[in-house]
C-alpha atoms as a PDB file:
ATOM      1  CA  UNK A   1     -39.583  26.262 -35.972  1.00  0.00           C
ATOM      2  CA  UNK A   2     -35.970  25.752 -36.719  1.00  0.00           C
ATOM      3  CA  UNK A   3     -34.869  22.408 -34.985  1.00  0.00           C
ATOM      4  CA  UNK A   4     -31.856  22.479 -32.209  1.00  0.00           C
ATOM      5  CA  UNK A   5     -28.584  22.840 -33.193  1.00  0.00           C
ATOM      6  CA  UNK A   6     -27.834  19.852 -31.475  1.00  0.00           C
ATOM      7  CA  UNK A   7     -30.466  17.626 -32.626  1.00  0.00           C
ATOM      8  CA  UNK A   8     -29.343  18.590 -35.948  1.00  0.00           C
ATOM      9  CA  UNK A   9     -26.018  17.852 -35.195  1.00  0.00           C
ATOM     10  CA  UNK A  10     -26.989  14.205 -33.721  1.00  0.00           C
ATOM     11  CA  UNK A  11     -29.042  13.246 -37.018  1.00  0.00           C
ATOM     12  CA  UNK A  12     -26.077  14.522 -39.569  1.00  0.00           C
ATOM     13  CA  UNK A  13     -23.534  12.280 -37.232  1.00  0.00           C
ATOM     14  CA  UNK A  14     -26.176   9.120 -37.418  1.00  0.00           C
ATOM     15  CA  UNK A  15     -26.184   9.593 -41.141  1.00  0.00           C
ATOM     16  CA  UNK A  16     -22.343  10.247 -41.474  1.00  0.00           C
ATOM     17  CA  UNK A  17     -22.060   6.878 -39.764  1.00  0.00           C
ATOM     18  CA  UNK A  18     -23.946   4.906 -41.702  1.00  0.00           C
ATOM     19  CA  UNK A  19     -22.260   5.766 -44.256  1.00  0.00           C
ATOM     20  CA  UNK A  20     -18.909   4.791 -42.861  1.00  0.00           C
ATOM     21  CA  UNK A  21     -20.299   1.716 -41.598  1.00  0.00           C
ATOM     22  CA  UNK A  22     -21.542   0.819 -45.340  1.00  0.00           C
ATOM     23  CA  UNK A  23     -17.853   1.886 -46.955  1.00  0.00           C
ATOM     24  CA  UNK A  24     -16.060  -0.040 -44.366  1.00  0.00           C
ATOM     25  CA  UNK A  25     -18.099  -3.320 -45.153  1.00  0.00           C
ATOM     26  CA  UNK A  26     -17.727  -3.065 -48.647  1.00  0.00           C
ATOM     27  CA  UNK A  27     -13.854  -1.978 -48.244  1.00  0.00           C
ATOM     28  CA  UNK A  28     -11.231  -4.345 -49.395  1.00  0.00           C
ATOM     29  CA  UNK A  29      -8.484  -3.332 -46.383  1.00  0.00           C
ATOM     30  CA  UNK A  30      -5.130  -4.229 -46.023  1.00  0.00           C
ATOM     31  CA  UNK A  31      -4.073  -5.329 -42.439  1.00  0.00           C
ATOM     32  CA  UNK A  32      -2.490  -1.856 -41.583  1.00  0.00           C
ATOM     33  CA  UNK A  33      -5.813  -0.087 -42.868  1.00  0.00           C
ATOM     34  CA  UNK A  34      -8.047  -2.554 -40.921  1.00  0.00           C
ATOM     35  CA  UNK A  35      -5.980  -2.162 -38.129  1.00  0.00           C
ATOM     36  CA  UNK A  36      -5.965   1.859 -38.410  1.00  0.00           C
ATOM     37  CA  UNK A  37     -10.049   1.577 -38.845  1.00  0.00           C
ATOM     38  CA  UNK A  38     -10.410  -0.726 -36.141  1.00  0.00           C
ATOM     39  CA  UNK A  39      -8.595   1.909 -33.656  1.00  0.00           C
ATOM     40  CA  UNK A  40     -10.885   4.560 -35.184  1.00  0.00           C
ATOM     41  CA  UNK A  41     -13.872   2.572 -34.350  1.00  0.00           C
ATOM     42  CA  UNK A  42     -12.483   1.835 -30.802  1.00  0.00           C
ATOM     43  CA  UNK A  43     -11.886   5.664 -29.933  1.00  0.00           C
ATOM     44  CA  UNK A  44     -15.074   6.114 -31.418  1.00  0.00           C
ATOM     45  CA  UNK A  45     -16.797   3.728 -29.278  1.00  0.00           C
ATOM     46  CA  UNK A  46     -15.331   5.133 -26.377  1.00  0.00           C
ATOM     47  CA  UNK A  47     -15.959   8.883 -27.005  1.00  0.00           C
ATOM     48  CA  UNK A  48     -19.807   8.021 -27.456  1.00  0.00           C
ATOM     49  CA  UNK A  49     -19.956   5.867 -23.950  1.00  0.00           C
ATOM     50  CA  UNK A  50     -18.534   9.248 -22.328  1.00  0.00           C
ATOM     51  CA  UNK A  51     -20.625  11.582 -23.899  1.00  0.00           C
ATOM     52  CA  UNK A  52     -23.751   9.297 -23.382  1.00  0.00           C
ATOM     53  CA  UNK A  53     -22.496   9.260 -19.311  1.00  0.00           C
ATOM     54  CA  UNK A  54     -22.106  12.972 -19.196  1.00  0.00           C
ATOM     55  CA  UNK A  55     -25.465  13.697 -20.356  1.00  0.00           C
ATOM     56  CA  UNK A  56     -27.290  11.144 -18.525  1.00  0.00           C
ATOM     57  CA  UNK A  57     -28.919  13.299 -15.492  1.00  0.00           C
ATOM     58  CA  UNK A  58     -28.574   9.724 -13.622  1.00  0.00           C
ATOM     59  CA  UNK A  59     -25.135   8.922 -12.162  1.00  0.00           C
ATOM     60  CA  UNK A  60     -23.440   5.691 -12.058  1.00  0.00           C
ATOM     61  CA  UNK A  61     -22.485   3.977  -8.910  1.00  0.00           C
ATOM     62  CA  UNK A  62     -19.085   4.432  -7.686  1.00  0.00           C
ATOM     63  CA  UNK A  63     -19.056   0.332  -8.148  1.00  0.00           C
ATOM     64  CA  UNK A  64     -20.717  -2.659  -9.342  1.00  0.00           C
ATOM     65  CA  UNK A  65     -20.145  -5.748  -8.294  1.00  0.00           C
ATOM     66  CA  UNK A  66     -20.074  -8.400 -10.240  1.00  0.00           C
ATOM     67  CA  UNK A  67     -19.378 -12.203  -8.491  1.00  0.00           C
ATOM     68  CA  UNK A  68     -18.690 -14.097 -11.584  1.00  0.00           C
ATOM     69  CA  UNK A  69     -16.048 -11.506 -12.889  1.00  0.00           C
ATOM     70  CA  UNK A  70     -13.058 -14.218 -13.018  1.00  0.00           C
ATOM     71  CA  UNK A  71     -10.401 -11.516 -11.939  1.00  0.00           C
ATOM     72  CA  UNK A  72     -13.016 -11.258  -8.475  1.00  0.00           C
ATOM     73  CA  UNK A  73     -13.036 -14.898  -8.238  1.00  0.00           C
ATOM     74  CA  UNK A  74      -9.265 -14.870  -7.963  1.00  0.00           C
ATOM     75  CA  UNK A  75      -9.225 -12.792  -5.183  1.00  0.00           C
ATOM     76  CA  UNK A  76     -11.796 -14.984  -3.370  1.00  0.00           C
ATOM     77  CA  UNK A  77     -10.191 -18.182  -3.993  1.00  0.00           C
ATOM     78  CA  UNK A  78      -6.949 -16.913  -3.139  1.00  0.00           C
ATOM     79  CA  UNK A  79      -8.444 -15.038   0.309  1.00  0.00           C
ATOM     80  CA  UNK A  80      -9.944 -18.783   1.071  1.00  0.00           C
ATOM     81  CA  UNK A  81      -6.445 -20.118   0.712  1.00  0.00           C
ATOM     82  CA  UNK A  82      -5.022 -17.560   3.145  1.00  0.00           C
ATOM     83  CA  UNK A  83      -7.809 -18.462   5.522  1.00  0.00           C
ATOM     84  CA  UNK A  84      -6.586 -21.895   5.637  1.00  0.00           C
ATOM     85  CA  UNK A  85      -4.312 -23.210   8.659  1.00  0.00           C
ATOM     86  CA  UNK A  86      -0.867 -23.752   7.941  1.00  0.00           C
ATOM     87  CA  UNK A  87       1.071 -27.201   8.076  1.00  0.00           C
ATOM     88  CA  UNK A  88       4.383 -28.169   8.325  1.00  0.00           C
ATOM     89  CA  UNK A  89       5.274 -28.943   4.520  1.00  0.00           C
ATOM     90  CA  UNK A  90       7.093 -32.354   5.542  1.00  0.00           C
ATOM     91  CA  UNK A  91       4.125 -33.655   7.229  1.00  0.00           C
ATOM     92  CA  UNK A  92       1.561 -33.746   4.947  1.00  0.00           C
ATOM     93  CA  UNK A  93      -0.553 -36.942   4.071  1.00  0.00           C
ATOM     94  CA  UNK A  94      -2.037 -37.738   0.671  1.00  0.00           C
ATOM     95  CA  UNK A  95      -5.600 -36.084   0.110  1.00  0.00           C
ATOM     96  CA  UNK A  96      -7.936 -35.458  -2.703  1.00  0.00           C
ATOM     97  CA  UNK A  97      -8.264 -32.500  -4.783  1.00  0.00           C
ATOM     98  CA  UNK A  98      -6.637 -29.865  -6.775  1.00  0.00           C
ATOM     99  CA  UNK A  99      -6.309 -26.061  -6.517  1.00  0.00           C
ATOM    100  CA  UNK A 100      -3.894 -23.393  -4.819  1.00  0.00           C
ATOM    101  CA  UNK A 101      -1.240 -23.675  -2.452  1.00  0.00           C
ATOM    102  CA  UNK A 102       1.450 -21.436  -0.807  1.00  0.00           C
ATOM    103  CA  UNK A 103       4.734 -22.574   0.960  1.00  0.00           C
ATOM    104  CA  UNK A 104       6.276 -20.411   3.549  1.00  0.00           C
ATOM    105  CA  UNK A 105       9.660 -20.448   4.946  1.00  0.00           C
ATOM    106  CA  UNK A 106      10.300 -20.116   9.055  1.00  0.00           C
ATOM    107  CA  UNK A 107      14.004 -20.972   9.421  1.00  0.00           C
ATOM    108  CA  UNK A 108      17.062 -18.912   9.848  1.00  0.00           C
ATOM    109  CA  UNK A 109      18.581 -18.662   6.505  1.00  0.00           C
ATOM    110  CA  UNK A 110      19.742 -14.995   6.302  1.00  0.00           C
ATOM    111  CA  UNK A 111      18.836 -14.896   2.602  1.00  0.00           C
ATOM    112  CA  UNK A 112      15.191 -15.519   3.376  1.00  0.00           C
ATOM    113  CA  UNK A 113      15.382 -13.557   6.761  1.00  0.00           C
ATOM    114  CA  UNK A 114      12.912 -10.811   5.415  1.00  0.00           C
ATOM    115  CA  UNK A 115      10.223 -13.339   5.077  1.00  0.00           C
ATOM    116  CA  UNK A 116      10.773 -15.657   7.471  1.00  0.00           C
ATOM    117  CA  UNK A 117       7.858 -16.500  10.028  1.00  0.00           C
ATOM    118  CA  UNK A 118       5.704 -13.934   7.979  1.00  0.00           C
ATOM    119  CA  UNK A 119       3.037 -14.183   6.012  1.00  0.00           C
ATOM    120  CA  UNK A 120       4.596 -13.639   2.646  1.00  0.00           C
ATOM    121  CA  UNK A 121       4.844 -17.069   0.874  1.00  0.00           C
ATOM    122  CA  UNK A 122       8.287 -17.995  -0.527  1.00  0.00           C
ATOM    123  CA  UNK A 123       6.445 -19.846  -3.436  1.00  0.00           C
ATOM    124  CA  UNK A 124       2.950 -19.854  -4.686  1.00  0.00           C
ATOM    125  CA  UNK A 125       1.450 -22.497  -7.197  1.00  0.00           C
ATOM    126  CA  UNK A 126      -1.813 -24.530  -8.642  1.00  0.00           C
ATOM    127  CA  UNK A 127      -2.276 -28.087  -9.369  1.00  0.00           C
ATOM    128  CA  UNK A 128      -4.479 -28.509 -12.575  1.00  0.00           C
ATOM    129  CA  UNK A 129      -7.241 -31.221 -12.123  1.00  0.00           C
ATOM    130  CA  UNK A 130      -7.394 -34.077 -14.904  1.00  0.00           C
ATOM    131  CA  UNK A 131      -9.703 -32.763 -17.926  1.00  0.00           C
ATOM    132  CA  UNK A 132     -13.185 -33.488 -17.234  1.00  0.00           C
ATOM    133  CA  UNK A 133     -12.781 -33.597 -13.549  1.00  0.00           C
ATOM    134  CA  UNK A 134     -16.490 -32.533 -11.983  1.00  0.00           C
ATOM    135  CA  UNK A 135     -15.778 -33.891  -8.827  1.00  0.00           C
ATOM    136  CA  UNK A 136     -13.306 -33.946  -5.539  1.00  0.00           C
ATOM    137  CA  UNK A 137     -12.509 -37.004  -6.327  1.00  0.00           C
ATOM    138  CA  UNK A 138     -12.138 -36.973  -9.972  1.00  0.00           C
ATOM    139  CA  UNK A 139      -9.682 -34.344  -9.353  1.00  0.00           C
ATOM    140  CA  UNK A 140      -7.375 -36.951  -7.776  1.00  0.00           C
ATOM    141  CA  UNK A 141      -4.437 -36.173  -5.924  1.00  0.00           C
ATOM    142  CA  UNK A 142      -3.035 -33.414  -7.788  1.00  0.00           C
ATOM    143  CA  UNK A 143      -2.531 -30.694  -5.400  1.00  0.00           C
ATOM    144  CA  UNK A 144      -1.060 -33.197  -2.908  1.00  0.00           C
ATOM    145  CA  UNK A 145       1.276 -34.442  -5.639  1.00  0.00           C
ATOM    146  CA  UNK A 146       2.943 -31.101  -6.076  1.00  0.00           C
ATOM    147  CA  UNK A 147       3.690 -30.114  -2.477  1.00  0.00           C
ATOM    148  CA  UNK A 148       4.945 -33.717  -2.145  1.00  0.00           C
ATOM    149  CA  UNK A 149       7.218 -32.918  -5.210  1.00  0.00           C
ATOM    150  CA  UNK A 150       8.590 -29.717  -3.648  1.00  0.00           C
ATOM    151  CA  UNK A 151       9.035 -31.497  -0.327  1.00  0.00           C
ATOM    152  CA  UNK A 152      11.274 -33.900  -2.402  1.00  0.00           C
ATOM    153  CA  UNK A 153      13.135 -31.387  -3.990  1.00  0.00           C
ATOM    154  CA  UNK A 154      13.581 -29.181  -0.592  1.00  0.00           C
ATOM    155  CA  UNK A 155      14.650 -32.616   1.038  1.00  0.00           C
ATOM    156  CA  UNK A 156      17.319 -33.040  -1.746  1.00  0.00           C
ATOM    157  CA  UNK A 157      19.303 -30.027  -1.777  1.00  0.00           C
ATOM    158  CA  UNK A 158      21.559 -28.351   0.665  1.00  0.00           C
ATOM    159  CA  UNK A 159      21.334 -24.865   2.723  1.00  0.00           C
ATOM    160  CA  UNK A 160      17.548 -25.288   3.589  1.00  0.00           C
ATOM    161  CA  UNK A 161      15.834 -28.311   5.729  1.00  0.00           C
ATOM    162  CA  UNK A 162      12.305 -29.314   4.982  1.00  0.00           C
ATOM    163  CA  UNK A 163      11.471 -28.671   8.821  1.00  0.00           C
ATOM    164  CA  UNK A 164      11.649 -24.849   8.046  1.00  0.00           C
ATOM    165  CA  UNK A 165       8.797 -24.949   5.411  1.00  0.00           C
ATOM    166  CA  UNK A 166       5.140 -24.385   6.171  1.00  0.00           C
ATOM    167  CA  UNK A 167       2.241 -24.800   3.274  1.00  0.00           C
ATOM    168  CA  UNK A 168      -1.480 -23.946   3.024  1.00  0.00           C
ATOM    169  CA  UNK A 169      -3.332 -25.800   0.166  1.00  0.00           C
ATOM    170  CA  UNK A 170      -6.844 -25.391  -0.766  1.00  0.00           C
ATOM    171  CA  UNK A 171      -9.086 -27.739  -3.275  1.00  0.00           C
ATOM    172  CA  UNK A 172     -11.259 -25.853  -5.777  1.00  0.00           C
ATOM    173  CA  UNK A 173     -13.938 -26.293  -8.239  1.00  0.00           C
ATOM    174  CA  UNK A 174     -11.861 -27.019 -11.403  1.00  0.00           C
ATOM    175  CA  UNK A 175     -11.139 -24.107 -13.472  1.00  0.00           C
ATOM    176  CA  UNK A 176     -10.823 -21.630 -10.845  1.00  0.00           C
ATOM    177  CA  UNK A 177      -6.926 -22.701  -9.679  1.00  0.00           C
ATOM    178  CA  UNK A 178      -5.588 -20.345 -12.597  1.00  0.00           C
ATOM    179  CA  UNK A 179      -7.141 -17.031 -11.828  1.00  0.00           C
ATOM    180  CA  UNK A 180      -6.327 -17.763  -7.862  1.00  0.00           C
ATOM    181  CA  UNK A 181      -2.577 -18.694  -8.816  1.00  0.00           C
ATOM    182  CA  UNK A 182      -2.232 -15.152 -10.821  1.00  0.00           C
ATOM    183  CA  UNK A 183      -3.487 -13.228  -8.050  1.00  0.00           C
ATOM    184  CA  UNK A 184      -1.530 -14.597  -5.441  1.00  0.00           C
ATOM    185  CA  UNK A 185       1.393 -14.387  -7.648  1.00  0.00           C
ATOM    186  CA  UNK A 186       0.718 -10.500  -8.535  1.00  0.00           C
ATOM    187  CA  UNK A 187      -0.050  -9.826  -4.568  1.00  0.00           C
ATOM    188  CA  UNK A 188       2.946 -11.521  -3.029  1.00  0.00           C
ATOM    189  CA  UNK A 189       5.607 -11.667  -5.582  1.00  0.00           C
ATOM    190  CA  UNK A 190       7.187 -14.995  -4.100  1.00  0.00           C
ATOM    191  CA  UNK A 191      11.080 -15.050  -4.888  1.00  0.00           C
ATOM    192  CA  UNK A 192      10.960 -18.691  -5.836  1.00  0.00           C
ATOM    193  CA  UNK A 193       8.231 -18.370  -8.461  1.00  0.00           C
ATOM    194  CA  UNK A 194       9.354 -18.065 -12.108  1.00  0.00           C
ATOM    195  CA  UNK A 195       7.363 -14.740 -12.712  1.00  0.00           C
ATOM    196  CA  UNK A 196       9.519 -13.089 -10.187  1.00  0.00           C
ATOM    197  CA  UNK A 197      12.619 -13.611 -12.611  1.00  0.00           C
ATOM    198  CA  UNK A 198      15.208 -14.278  -9.677  1.00  0.00           C
ATOM    199  CA  UNK A 199      15.722 -17.373  -7.893  1.00  0.00           C
ATOM    200  CA  UNK A 200      13.386 -19.668 -10.010  1.00  0.00           C
ATOM    201  CA  UNK A 201      13.919 -23.243 -10.671  1.00  0.00           C
ATOM    202  CA  UNK A 202      12.366 -25.347  -7.579  1.00  0.00           C
ATOM    203  CA  UNK A 203      10.087 -26.687 -10.460  1.00  0.00           C
ATOM    204  CA  UNK A 204      12.389 -27.605 -12.905  1.00  0.00           C
ATOM    205  CA  UNK A 205      12.835 -31.323 -13.826  1.00  0.00           C
ATOM    206  CA  UNK A 206      15.903 -32.846 -15.050  1.00  0.00           C
ATOM    207  CA  UNK A 207      17.656 -32.225 -18.121  1.00  0.00           C
ATOM    208  CA  UNK A 208      18.130 -35.252 -20.684  1.00  0.00           C
ATOM    209  CA  UNK A 209      21.577 -36.004 -21.838  1.00  0.00           C
ATOM    210  CA  UNK A 210      21.337 -34.023 -24.964  1.00  0.00           C
ATOM    211  CA  UNK A 211      20.320 -30.658 -23.295  1.00  0.00           C
ATOM    212  CA  UNK A 212      23.500 -31.038 -20.423  1.00  0.00           C
ATOM    213  CA  UNK A 213      24.500 -27.568 -21.674  1.00  0.00           C
ATOM    214  CA  UNK A 214      21.425 -25.679 -20.210  1.00  0.00           C
ATOM    215  CA  UNK A 215      22.539 -23.303 -17.738  1.00  0.00           C
ATOM    216  CA  UNK A 216      21.842 -23.941 -14.212  1.00  0.00           C
ATOM    217  CA  UNK A 217      18.396 -22.259 -12.396  1.00  0.00           C
ATOM    218  CA  UNK A 218      19.396 -19.855  -9.591  1.00  0.00           C
ATOM    219  CA  UNK A 219      17.262 -22.141  -7.345  1.00  0.00           C
ATOM    220  CA  UNK A 220      19.987 -24.812  -8.066  1.00  0.00           C
ATOM    221  CA  UNK A 221      22.957 -22.646  -8.177  1.00  0.00           C
ATOM    222  CA  UNK A 222      21.979 -21.323  -4.152  1.00  0.00           C
ATOM    223  CA  UNK A 223      20.734 -24.549  -3.146  1.00  0.00           C
ATOM    224  CA  UNK A 224      22.928 -27.592  -5.100  1.00  0.00           C
ATOM    225  CA  UNK A 225      22.061 -31.161  -4.397  1.00  0.00           C
ATOM    226  CA  UNK A 226      19.909 -32.434  -7.391  1.00  0.00           C
ATOM    227  CA  UNK A 227      22.213 -34.865  -8.798  1.00  0.00           C
ATOM    228  CA  UNK A 228      20.974 -33.736 -12.592  1.00  0.00           C
ATOM    229  CA  UNK A 229      21.667 -30.205 -12.362  1.00  0.00           C
ATOM    230  CA  UNK A 230      25.266 -30.845 -10.794  1.00  0.00           C
ATOM    231  CA  UNK A 231      26.721 -30.450 -14.489  1.00  0.00           C
ATOM    232  CA  UNK A 232      24.772 -27.742 -15.640  1.00  0.00           C
ATOM    233  CA  UNK A 233      27.002 -24.134 -16.100  1.00  0.00           C
ATOM    234  CA  UNK A 234      25.835 -21.300 -13.813  1.00  0.00           C
ATOM    235  CA  UNK A 235      24.066 -18.400 -15.465  1.00  0.00           C
ATOM    236  CA  UNK A 236      24.733 -16.434 -12.298  1.00  0.00           C
ATOM    237  CA  UNK A 237      27.269 -16.492  -9.348  1.00  0.00           C
ATOM    238  CA  UNK A 238      25.493 -16.930  -5.714  1.00  0.00           C
ATOM    239  CA  UNK A 239      26.837 -13.622  -4.555  1.00  0.00           C
ATOM    240  CA  UNK A 240      24.862 -12.225  -7.955  1.00  0.00           C
ATOM    241  CA  UNK A 241      21.956 -14.319  -6.815  1.00  0.00           C
ATOM    242  CA  UNK A 242      21.926 -13.114  -3.132  1.00  0.00           C
ATOM    243  CA  UNK A 243      22.105  -9.432  -4.040  1.00  0.00           C
ATOM    244  CA  UNK A 244      19.072  -9.757  -6.120  1.00  0.00           C
ATOM    245  CA  UNK A 245      17.185 -11.520  -3.627  1.00  0.00           C
ATOM    246  CA  UNK A 246      18.248  -8.689  -1.293  1.00  0.00           C
ATOM    247  CA  UNK A 247      17.076  -6.064  -3.677  1.00  0.00           C
ATOM    248  CA  UNK A 248      13.679  -7.777  -4.411  1.00  0.00           C
ATOM    249  CA  UNK A 249      13.045  -7.915  -0.463  1.00  0.00           C
ATOM    250  CA  UNK A 250      13.671  -4.649  -0.192  1.00  0.00           C
ATOM    251  CA  UNK A 251      11.215  -3.094  -2.807  1.00  0.00           C
ATOM    252  CA  UNK A 252       8.683  -5.440  -2.411  1.00  0.00           C
ATOM    253  CA  UNK A 253       5.803  -5.218   0.407  1.00  0.00           C
ATOM    254  CA  UNK A 254       6.328  -8.005   3.038  1.00  0.00           C
ATOM    255  CA  UNK A 255       3.103  -9.282   5.155  1.00  0.00           C
ATOM    256  CA  UNK A 256       3.634  -9.640   8.661  1.00  0.00           C
ATOM    257  CA  UNK A 257       0.197 -10.825   9.702  1.00  0.00           C
ATOM    258  CA  UNK A 258      -2.879 -12.274   7.992  1.00  0.00           C
ATOM    259  CA  UNK A 259      -4.633  -9.146   8.835  1.00  0.00           C
ATOM    260  CA  UNK A 260      -2.262  -7.262   6.697  1.00  0.00           C
ATOM    261  CA  UNK A 261      -2.894  -9.751   3.597  1.00  0.00           C
ATOM    262  CA  UNK A 262      -6.984  -9.227   4.521  1.00  0.00           C
ATOM    263  CA  UNK A 263      -6.566  -5.632   3.966  1.00  0.00           C
ATOM    264  CA  UNK A 264      -4.563  -5.961   0.571  1.00  0.00           C
ATOM    265  CA  UNK A 265      -7.303  -8.205  -0.653  1.00  0.00           C
ATOM    266  CA  UNK A 266      -9.861  -5.918   0.591  1.00  0.00           C
ATOM    267  CA  UNK A 267      -8.349  -3.206  -1.220  1.00  0.00           C
ATOM    268  CA  UNK A 268      -7.659  -5.261  -4.327  1.00  0.00           C
ATOM    269  CA  UNK A 269     -11.646  -6.047  -4.612  1.00  0.00           C
ATOM    270  CA  UNK A 270     -12.412  -2.583  -4.202  1.00  0.00           C
ATOM    271  CA  UNK A 271     -10.441  -1.530  -6.824  1.00  0.00           C
ATOM    272  CA  UNK A 272     -11.617  -4.535  -9.171  1.00  0.00           C
ATOM    273  CA  UNK A 273     -14.799  -3.220  -9.339  1.00  0.00           C
ATOM    274  CA  UNK A 274     -14.355   0.174  -9.537  1.00  0.00           C
ATOM    275  CA  UNK A 275     -16.548   1.395 -12.353  1.00  0.00           C
ATOM    276  CA  UNK A 276     -14.199   4.222 -13.348  1.00  0.00           C
ATOM    277  CA  UNK A 277     -11.876   1.774 -14.455  1.00  0.00           C
ATOM    278  CA  UNK A 278     -13.973  -0.564 -16.173  1.00  0.00           C
ATOM    279  CA  UNK A 279     -15.858   2.016 -18.054  1.00  0.00           C
ATOM    280  CA  UNK A 280     -12.751   3.684 -19.229  1.00  0.00           C
ATOM    281  CA  UNK A 281     -11.617   0.560 -20.629  1.00  0.00           C
ATOM    282  CA  UNK A 282      -8.829   0.208 -17.922  1.00  0.00           C
ATOM    283  CA  UNK A 283      -7.910  -3.158 -16.809  1.00  0.00           C
ATOM    284  CA  UNK A 284      -9.013  -4.502 -13.499  1.00  0.00           C
ATOM    285  CA  UNK A 285      -6.104  -4.302 -10.879  1.00  0.00           C
ATOM    286  CA  UNK A 286      -5.327  -8.103  -9.766  1.00  0.00           C
ATOM    287  CA  UNK A 287      -3.038  -7.243  -7.342  1.00  0.00           C
END
């Protein structure tokens, strides 16, 4: 009895793969040829995975939840941060811990009007623990130190008052703060964060005398007062910066209430554990 054609083809393909494997392992490839071979292997793997799913009579579920997946951990830590009470930034007291934080604006400055008294932070960040820190006490007061540094910078400059800022802070187990910060930045796109590339510079430290030719950060241009930045040339004018800020707020989601933020988190988690993205090689969505 003649073998079914699909079985015969499977045997022939397996034999060709064995030949291909032996050839590649023995070949002395150049960089470009190795890159092309790796791309071909990746494409074959994806095609075989897809074929395996297509002919399997048992289907995959819509989603697979892996609590250890780093990007999901970032979601959960960020969600825990948003669940904390907001406190006046100017009244924070020393506390132990490293982790993540968010700063909010509540004042009347028209530049920040779209986010004033809302749930979109003006800045988010992380405080890394000392190397090897395993306990809360070993993390020292890194989180407080970062918030206090921001408090001092806001106190030094014109146009904004420390009374108009609130914050949330969350001490977390060492190692989880980076994923949480990344998720917070991707979700909120805070206007003061470097990653937003508009009104960055609050975290910038004083330049040495040999680097005075550095451009003044947009933050120092809009909020003058830090002595070490006074002599630096402006890369952009105040009007240019304000226009970019207005454009940013016009095209970025602004969260009015915590329930809106929680809904966005839930949607992000739902999309992050979708098997269709993961199984086809797509990146998990962090925002």
